[in-house]
Amino acid sequence: MALSGFASGALVAAPVAAVLTWLAVSWQQHVDVRVERDTVAVRADRAAFNAGFERDWSAATGQVRAACDPDATAELTRLRKRAAELEAKLAGSSADLERERTELRNLMVEERK
């Protein structure tokens, strides 16, 4: 008798544990994308600042400097492109999390009936 009660409890708890694990993993992936997006945005801002500073420093000191550093421009372009990709992914991730939260809430309401 006790064994059958344990088995039925385990059958009920397993899907709940699976859903909670899935939610935790989904949220962690969402957070990881946000952190990477923020890091890339800061690196792009820093690269833009450095380029502006070098240009202003050259003008202030009278040093001749190349009009455009191709490596710095390529790095800035790459960082901005990656930031835009992550922003799009984050927007999709937020929408997915909201949709999944609504579906989970509806499922829980149905289970209570």
Protein backbone atom coordinates (compact mmCIF):
# COMPACT_ATOMS: atom_id res chain seq x y z
CA MET A 1 0.00 0.00 0.00
CA ALA A 2 2.75 2.44 0.95
CA LEU A 3 4.68 1.51 -2.16
CA SER A 4 1.75 2.26 -4.45
CA GLY A 5 1.26 5.64 -2.72
CA PHE A 6 4.93 6.40 -3.26
CA ALA A 7 4.72 5.36 -6.92
CA SER A 8 1.68 7.52 -7.61
CA GLY A 9 3.36 10.46 -5.81
CA ALA A 10 6.45 9.98 -7.92
CA LEU A 11 4.36 9.94 -11.09
CA VAL A 12 2.79 13.24 -10.10
CA ALA A 13 6.06 14.84 -8.97
CA ALA A 14 8.10 13.83 -12.02
CA PRO A 15 6.28 16.08 -14.52
CA VAL A 16 6.35 18.97 -12.05
CA ALA A 17 10.09 18.55 -11.55
CA ALA A 18 10.58 18.33 -15.31
CA VAL A 19 8.62 21.56 -15.89
CA LEU A 20 10.52 23.38 -13.13
CA THR A 21 13.83 22.20 -14.53
CA TRP A 22 12.81 23.29 -18.01
CA LEU A 23 11.76 26.72 -16.71
CA ALA A 24 15.05 27.14 -14.85
CA VAL A 25 17.08 26.22 -17.94
CA SER A 26 15.00 28.50 -20.18
CA TRP A 27 15.43 31.39 -17.77
CA GLN A 28 19.17 30.79 -17.48
CA GLN A 29 19.52 30.81 -21.28
CA HIS A 30 17.57 34.09 -21.37
CA VAL A 31 19.88 35.59 -18.74
CA ASP A 32 22.97 34.35 -20.59
CA VAL A 33 21.82 36.13 -23.75
CA ARG A 34 21.17 39.33 -21.79
CA VAL A 35 24.65 39.22 -20.23
CA GLU A 36 26.31 38.59 -23.59
CA ARG A 37 24.27 41.39 -25.20
CA ASP A 38 25.26 43.82 -22.45
CA THR A 39 28.92 42.80 -22.71
CA VAL A 40 28.96 43.25 -26.48
CA ALA A 41 27.20 46.62 -26.20
CA VAL A 42 29.79 47.84 -23.68
CA ARG A 43 32.65 46.63 -25.89
CA ALA A 44 31.12 48.43 -28.90
CA ASP A 45 30.74 51.62 -26.88
CA ARG A 46 34.32 51.33 -25.70
CA ALA A 47 35.60 50.78 -29.26
CA ALA A 48 33.65 53.83 -30.47
CA PHE A 49 35.01 55.90 -27.57
CA ASN A 50 38.59 54.77 -28.30
CA ALA A 51 38.24 55.68 -31.98
CA GLY A 52 36.89 59.12 -31.09
CA PHE A 53 39.58 59.65 -28.49
CA GLU A 54 42.35 58.71 -30.93
CA ARG A 55 40.94 61.11 -33.51
CA ASP A 56 40.64 63.96 -30.99
CA TRP A 57 44.08 63.24 -29.51
CA SER A 58 45.66 63.33 -32.96
CA ALA A 59 43.98 66.64 -33.70
CA ALA A 60 45.00 68.13 -30.34
CA THR A 61 48.64 67.05 -30.56
CA GLY A 62 49.02 67.73 -34.27
CA GLN A 63 50.06 64.17 -35.05
CA VAL A 64 49.22 62.87 -38.46
CA ARG A 65 46.92 59.92 -38.24
CA ALA A 66 45.35 57.72 -40.87
CA ALA A 67 41.85 58.87 -41.73
CA CYS A 68 40.32 55.53 -40.84
CA ASP A 69 41.75 52.53 -39.03
CA PRO A 70 40.32 49.53 -40.91
CA ASP A 71 40.85 47.14 -37.99
CA ALA A 72 39.04 49.38 -35.52
CA THR A 73 36.20 49.96 -38.00
CA ALA A 74 35.87 46.23 -38.68
CA GLU A 75 35.83 45.46 -34.94
CA LEU A 76 33.21 48.13 -34.27
CA THR A 77 31.05 46.87 -37.13
CA ARG A 78 31.34 43.27 -35.91
CA LEU A 79 30.42 44.24 -32.34
CA ARG A 80 27.42 46.29 -33.42
CA LYS A 81 26.20 43.50 -35.68
CA ARG A 82 26.52 40.96 -32.84
CA ALA A 83 24.71 43.32 -30.44
CA ALA A 84 21.83 43.63 -32.93
CA GLU A 85 21.67 39.83 -33.32
CA LEU A 86 21.58 39.35 -29.56
CA GLU A 87 18.93 42.05 -29.19
CA ALA A 88 16.73 40.25 -31.73
CA LYS A 89 17.33 36.93 -30.00
CA LEU A 90 16.53 38.49 -26.64
CA ALA A 91 13.28 39.96 -27.97
CA GLY A 92 12.30 36.52 -29.27
CA SER A 93 13.37 34.91 -26.01
CA SER A 94 11.26 37.33 -23.97
CA ALA A 95 8.24 36.66 -26.17
CA ASP A 96 8.80 32.90 -25.88
CA LEU A 97 9.09 33.09 -22.09
CA GLU A 98 5.88 35.10 -21.87
CA ARG A 99 4.02 32.69 -24.15
CA GLU A 100 5.31 29.67 -22.24
CA ARG A 101 4.39 31.26 -18.91
CA THR A 102 0.84 31.80 -20.16
CA GLU A 103 0.64 28.22 -21.43
CA LEU A 104 1.93 26.89 -18.11
CA ARG A 105 -0.57 28.99 -16.16
CA ASN A 106 -3.41 27.73 -18.37
CA LEU A 107 -2.23 24.15 -17.87
CA MET A 108 -2.17 24.59 -14.11
CA VAL A 109 -5.70 26.06 -14.15
CA GLU A 110 -6.92 23.10 -16.20
CA GLU A 111 -5.30 20.66 -13.76
CA ARG A 112 -7.13 22.22 -10.82
CA LYS A 113 -10.51 21.62 -12.44
